[in-house]
N, C-alpha and C. Protein backbone atom coordinates (compact mmCIF):
# COMPACT_ATOMS: atom_id res chain seq x y z
N MET A 1 -13.96 8.49 -38.88
CA MET A 1 -13.91 7.19 -38.24
C MET A 1 -13.09 6.24 -39.12
N SER A 2 -12.39 5.36 -38.51
CA SER A 2 -11.54 4.47 -39.30
C SER A 2 -12.37 3.43 -40.05
N LYS A 3 -11.75 2.89 -41.05
CA LYS A 3 -12.40 1.87 -41.88
C LYS A 3 -12.77 0.66 -41.02
N LEU A 4 -11.89 0.29 -40.11
CA LEU A 4 -12.12 -0.86 -39.25
C LEU A 4 -13.36 -0.67 -38.37
N VAL A 5 -13.52 0.53 -37.83
CA VAL A 5 -14.69 0.81 -37.00
C VAL A 5 -15.96 0.74 -37.84
N ASN A 6 -15.91 1.29 -39.03
CA ASN A 6 -17.07 1.24 -39.92
C ASN A 6 -17.44 -0.20 -40.27
N GLU A 7 -16.41 -1.04 -40.49
CA GLU A 7 -16.67 -2.45 -40.78
C GLU A 7 -17.32 -3.14 -39.58
N PHE A 8 -16.84 -2.82 -38.39
CA PHE A 8 -17.42 -3.40 -37.18
C PHE A 8 -18.87 -2.97 -37.02
N LYS A 9 -19.13 -1.69 -37.24
CA LYS A 9 -20.50 -1.17 -37.11
C LYS A 9 -21.44 -1.80 -38.13
N ALA A 10 -20.91 -2.21 -39.26
CA ALA A 10 -21.74 -2.80 -40.32
C ALA A 10 -22.13 -4.25 -40.01
N LEU A 11 -21.43 -4.87 -39.06
CA LEU A 11 -21.75 -6.25 -38.69
C LEU A 11 -23.09 -6.32 -37.98
N PRO A 12 -23.81 -7.43 -38.13
CA PRO A 12 -25.04 -7.61 -37.35
C PRO A 12 -24.68 -7.65 -35.86
N LEU A 13 -25.63 -7.29 -35.04
CA LEU A 13 -25.39 -7.20 -33.59
C LEU A 13 -24.85 -8.51 -33.02
N ALA A 14 -25.34 -9.62 -33.47
CA ALA A 14 -24.88 -10.91 -32.95
C ALA A 14 -23.39 -11.09 -33.23
N GLN A 15 -22.94 -10.70 -34.41
CA GLN A 15 -21.51 -10.82 -34.74
C GLN A 15 -20.68 -9.79 -33.95
N GLN A 16 -21.23 -8.60 -33.74
CA GLN A 16 -20.54 -7.61 -32.91
C GLN A 16 -20.35 -8.17 -31.50
N HIS A 17 -21.40 -8.81 -31.01
CA HIS A 17 -21.36 -9.39 -29.67
C HIS A 17 -20.28 -10.46 -29.56
N GLU A 18 -20.12 -11.27 -30.58
CA GLU A 18 -19.10 -12.33 -30.59
C GLU A 18 -17.70 -11.75 -30.78
N THR A 19 -17.59 -10.70 -31.59
CA THR A 19 -16.30 -10.14 -31.96
C THR A 19 -15.72 -9.21 -30.90
N PHE A 20 -16.57 -8.49 -30.20
CA PHE A 20 -16.10 -7.49 -29.25
C PHE A 20 -15.13 -8.06 -28.21
N PRO A 21 -15.41 -9.19 -27.55
CA PRO A 21 -14.44 -9.73 -26.58
C PRO A 21 -13.10 -10.09 -27.22
N LEU A 22 -13.12 -10.53 -28.48
CA LEU A 22 -11.88 -10.86 -29.18
C LEU A 22 -11.05 -9.60 -29.43
N ILE A 23 -11.73 -8.54 -29.83
CA ILE A 23 -11.05 -7.27 -30.08
C ILE A 23 -10.48 -6.74 -28.77
N THR A 24 -11.26 -6.80 -27.71
CA THR A 24 -10.81 -6.33 -26.41
C THR A 24 -9.60 -7.12 -25.92
N ALA A 25 -9.63 -8.44 -26.09
CA ALA A 25 -8.51 -9.28 -25.67
C ALA A 25 -7.26 -8.95 -26.47
N ALA A 26 -7.40 -8.74 -27.78
CA ALA A 26 -6.25 -8.39 -28.62
C ALA A 26 -5.67 -7.04 -28.21
N TYR A 27 -6.53 -6.08 -27.90
CA TYR A 27 -6.08 -4.77 -27.44
C TYR A 27 -5.33 -4.89 -26.12
N ASN A 28 -5.90 -5.62 -25.16
CA ASN A 28 -5.25 -5.78 -23.86
C ASN A 28 -3.91 -6.49 -23.97
N GLU A 29 -3.82 -7.46 -24.87
CA GLU A 29 -2.57 -8.18 -25.09
C GLU A 29 -1.50 -7.22 -25.65
N ALA A 30 -1.88 -6.40 -26.62
CA ALA A 30 -0.94 -5.44 -27.20
C ALA A 30 -0.51 -4.41 -26.16
N LYS A 31 -1.46 -3.96 -25.35
CA LYS A 31 -1.15 -2.98 -24.31
C LYS A 31 -0.19 -3.56 -23.28
N ASP A 32 -0.43 -4.82 -22.85
CA ASP A 32 0.45 -5.47 -21.88
C ASP A 32 1.85 -5.68 -22.44
N LEU A 33 1.93 -6.04 -23.71
CA LEU A 33 3.23 -6.22 -24.36
C LEU A 33 3.99 -4.90 -24.39
N ARG A 34 3.30 -3.82 -24.71
CA ARG A 34 3.95 -2.50 -24.74
C ARG A 34 4.42 -2.09 -23.35
N ARG A 35 3.63 -2.42 -22.32
CA ARG A 35 4.03 -2.11 -20.95
C ARG A 35 5.32 -2.84 -20.60
N VAL A 36 5.43 -4.10 -20.98
CA VAL A 36 6.64 -4.89 -20.72
C VAL A 36 7.83 -4.26 -21.44
N GLU A 37 7.63 -3.83 -22.68
CA GLU A 37 8.70 -3.19 -23.44
C GLU A 37 9.16 -1.90 -22.75
N LEU A 38 8.21 -1.09 -22.33
CA LEU A 38 8.55 0.18 -21.67
C LEU A 38 9.26 -0.06 -20.34
N GLU A 39 8.80 -1.06 -19.57
CA GLU A 39 9.45 -1.36 -18.29
C GLU A 39 10.88 -1.82 -18.52
N ALA A 40 11.13 -2.58 -19.59
CA ALA A 40 12.49 -3.03 -19.91
C ALA A 40 13.36 -1.82 -20.25
N GLU A 41 12.81 -0.86 -21.00
CA GLU A 41 13.56 0.36 -21.33
C GLU A 41 13.88 1.15 -20.07
N ILE A 42 12.92 1.25 -19.16
CA ILE A 42 13.13 1.99 -17.91
C ILE A 42 14.21 1.32 -17.07
N LYS A 43 14.15 -0.01 -16.97
CA LYS A 43 15.17 -0.75 -16.22
C LYS A 43 16.55 -0.58 -16.85
N ALA A 44 16.61 -0.56 -18.18
CA ALA A 44 17.89 -0.39 -18.87
C ALA A 44 18.51 0.97 -18.56
N MET A 45 17.68 1.94 -18.22
CA MET A 45 18.18 3.27 -17.85
C MET A 45 18.58 3.34 -16.38
N GLY A 46 18.37 2.24 -15.65
CA GLY A 46 18.77 2.20 -14.24
C GLY A 46 17.70 2.61 -13.25
N PHE A 47 16.48 2.69 -13.71
CA PHE A 47 15.38 3.07 -12.82
C PHE A 47 14.50 1.86 -12.55
N THR A 48 13.64 1.98 -11.55
CA THR A 48 12.67 0.95 -11.24
C THR A 48 11.30 1.43 -11.70
N PRO A 49 10.62 0.68 -12.57
CA PRO A 49 9.30 1.12 -13.04
C PRO A 49 8.35 1.32 -11.86
N GLY A 50 7.60 2.41 -11.92
CA GLY A 50 6.62 2.69 -10.88
C GLY A 50 7.20 3.44 -9.70
N GLN A 51 8.51 3.58 -9.66
CA GLN A 51 9.15 4.26 -8.54
C GLN A 51 9.19 5.76 -8.83
N THR A 52 8.82 6.55 -7.86
CA THR A 52 8.87 8.00 -8.03
C THR A 52 9.72 8.59 -6.92
N ALA A 53 10.33 9.69 -7.21
CA ALA A 53 11.13 10.38 -6.20
C ALA A 53 10.18 11.08 -5.24
N LYS A 54 10.44 10.93 -3.96
CA LYS A 54 9.61 11.58 -2.96
C LYS A 54 10.31 12.87 -2.53
N LYS A 55 9.54 13.93 -2.52
CA LYS A 55 10.08 15.21 -2.09
C LYS A 55 10.01 15.30 -0.58
N SER A 56 11.05 15.81 -0.02
CA SER A 56 11.07 16.04 1.41
C SER A 56 10.44 17.39 1.70
N VAL A 57 9.47 17.41 2.59
CA VAL A 57 8.79 18.65 2.93
C VAL A 57 9.26 19.07 4.32
N ARG A 58 9.72 20.29 4.41
CA ARG A 58 10.19 20.79 5.70
C ARG A 58 9.02 21.11 6.62
N ILE A 59 9.22 20.86 7.87
CA ILE A 59 8.22 21.20 8.87
C ILE A 59 8.38 22.67 9.20
N LYS A 60 7.29 23.42 9.15
CA LYS A 60 7.34 24.85 9.46
C LYS A 60 6.77 25.15 10.84
N TYR A 61 5.86 24.28 11.31
CA TYR A 61 5.26 24.50 12.63
C TYR A 61 5.24 23.18 13.39
N ARG A 62 5.55 23.26 14.68
CA ARG A 62 5.49 22.09 15.55
C ARG A 62 4.64 22.46 16.77
N GLY A 63 3.64 21.61 17.04
CA GLY A 63 2.72 21.89 18.13
C GLY A 63 3.22 21.43 19.49
N PRO A 64 2.49 21.77 20.53
CA PRO A 64 2.89 21.43 21.89
C PRO A 64 2.89 19.93 22.16
N ASN A 65 2.15 19.17 21.38
CA ASN A 65 2.10 17.71 21.57
C ASN A 65 2.83 16.97 20.45
N GLY A 66 3.73 17.68 19.75
CA GLY A 66 4.51 17.05 18.69
C GLY A 66 3.87 17.07 17.32
N GLU A 67 2.71 17.70 17.20
CA GLU A 67 2.05 17.79 15.90
C GLU A 67 2.92 18.63 14.97
N THR A 68 2.80 18.39 13.68
CA THR A 68 3.58 19.18 12.72
C THR A 68 2.70 19.63 11.57
N TRP A 69 3.14 20.71 10.93
CA TRP A 69 2.49 21.21 9.73
C TRP A 69 3.56 21.83 8.86
N SER A 70 3.51 21.51 7.56
CA SER A 70 4.52 21.98 6.63
C SER A 70 4.24 23.38 6.10
N GLY A 71 3.06 23.89 6.36
CA GLY A 71 2.71 25.20 5.83
C GLY A 71 2.06 25.10 4.46
N VAL A 72 1.89 23.87 3.96
CA VAL A 72 1.29 23.64 2.65
C VAL A 72 -0.16 23.21 2.85
N GLY A 73 -1.04 23.80 2.07
CA GLY A 73 -2.46 23.43 2.16
C GLY A 73 -3.15 24.19 3.27
N ALA A 74 -4.32 23.69 3.63
CA ALA A 74 -5.12 24.35 4.66
C ALA A 74 -4.39 24.30 6.01
N LEU A 75 -4.66 25.28 6.83
CA LEU A 75 -4.08 25.36 8.15
C LEU A 75 -4.43 24.09 8.93
N ALA A 76 -3.42 23.49 9.54
CA ALA A 76 -3.63 22.26 10.29
C ALA A 76 -4.66 22.48 11.40
N GLY A 77 -5.47 21.46 11.65
CA GLY A 77 -6.54 21.58 12.65
C GLY A 77 -6.02 21.99 14.01
N TRP A 78 -4.94 21.37 14.46
CA TRP A 78 -4.39 21.69 15.78
C TRP A 78 -3.92 23.14 15.85
N LEU A 79 -3.37 23.64 14.74
CA LEU A 79 -2.88 25.01 14.70
C LEU A 79 -4.05 25.99 14.61
N LYS A 80 -5.08 25.61 13.91
CA LYS A 80 -6.27 26.46 13.80
C LYS A 80 -6.93 26.62 15.17
N LYS A 81 -7.00 25.52 15.94
CA LYS A 81 -7.59 25.60 17.27
C LYS A 81 -6.80 26.55 18.16
N LEU A 82 -5.48 26.48 18.07
CA LEU A 82 -4.64 27.38 18.87
C LEU A 82 -4.84 28.83 18.44
N LYS A 83 -4.90 29.06 17.13
CA LYS A 83 -5.10 30.41 16.61
C LYS A 83 -6.46 30.96 17.05
N ASP A 84 -7.50 30.11 16.93
CA ASP A 84 -8.85 30.53 17.34
C ASP A 84 -8.93 30.82 18.83
N ALA A 85 -8.06 30.18 19.61
CA ALA A 85 -8.03 30.40 21.06
C ALA A 85 -7.22 31.64 21.42
N GLY A 86 -6.70 32.33 20.39
CA GLY A 86 -5.97 33.57 20.63
C GLY A 86 -4.47 33.42 20.73
N GLU A 87 -3.96 32.23 20.50
CA GLU A 87 -2.52 32.00 20.55
C GLU A 87 -1.85 32.64 19.33
N ASP A 88 -0.62 33.10 19.51
CA ASP A 88 0.19 33.58 18.40
C ASP A 88 0.85 32.37 17.78
N ILE A 89 0.41 31.99 16.57
CA ILE A 89 0.92 30.75 15.98
C ILE A 89 2.39 30.85 15.61
N GLU A 90 2.92 32.05 15.52
CA GLU A 90 4.34 32.21 15.18
C GLU A 90 5.25 31.64 16.27
N ARG A 91 4.75 31.51 17.46
CA ARG A 91 5.59 30.93 18.52
C ARG A 91 5.78 29.42 18.32
N PHE A 92 5.00 28.83 17.41
CA PHE A 92 5.12 27.41 17.10
C PHE A 92 5.94 27.18 15.81
N ARG A 93 6.41 28.30 15.21
CA ARG A 93 7.21 28.17 13.98
C ARG A 93 8.55 27.54 14.33
N VAL A 94 8.96 26.58 13.49
CA VAL A 94 10.23 25.90 13.68
C VAL A 94 11.34 26.81 13.15
N GLN A 95 12.37 26.99 13.95
CA GLN A 95 13.52 27.82 13.54
C GLN A 95 14.37 27.05 12.56
N THR A 96 14.68 27.67 11.42
CA THR A 96 15.50 26.99 10.42
C THR A 96 16.86 27.65 10.30
């Protein structure tokens, strides 16, 4: 444990109670300052902070009412109902 933590633990509870919000505020201030610095670095590189690239997912199945499923994750409910009803789901596969 760091020396600073040990010093804090050695304080009487009343002083810990008074000091804790000050420590928290100083930490939050330092964290916010670092966030501003990092966002400036990101902007300098030509990016927008918080922006992520969205991946385009191809549609693999299209239902009779325009429903779609990419083939990722659990079988879509509409496609499962058709399959359970005995339909060949491959007839709903989108031709690529």
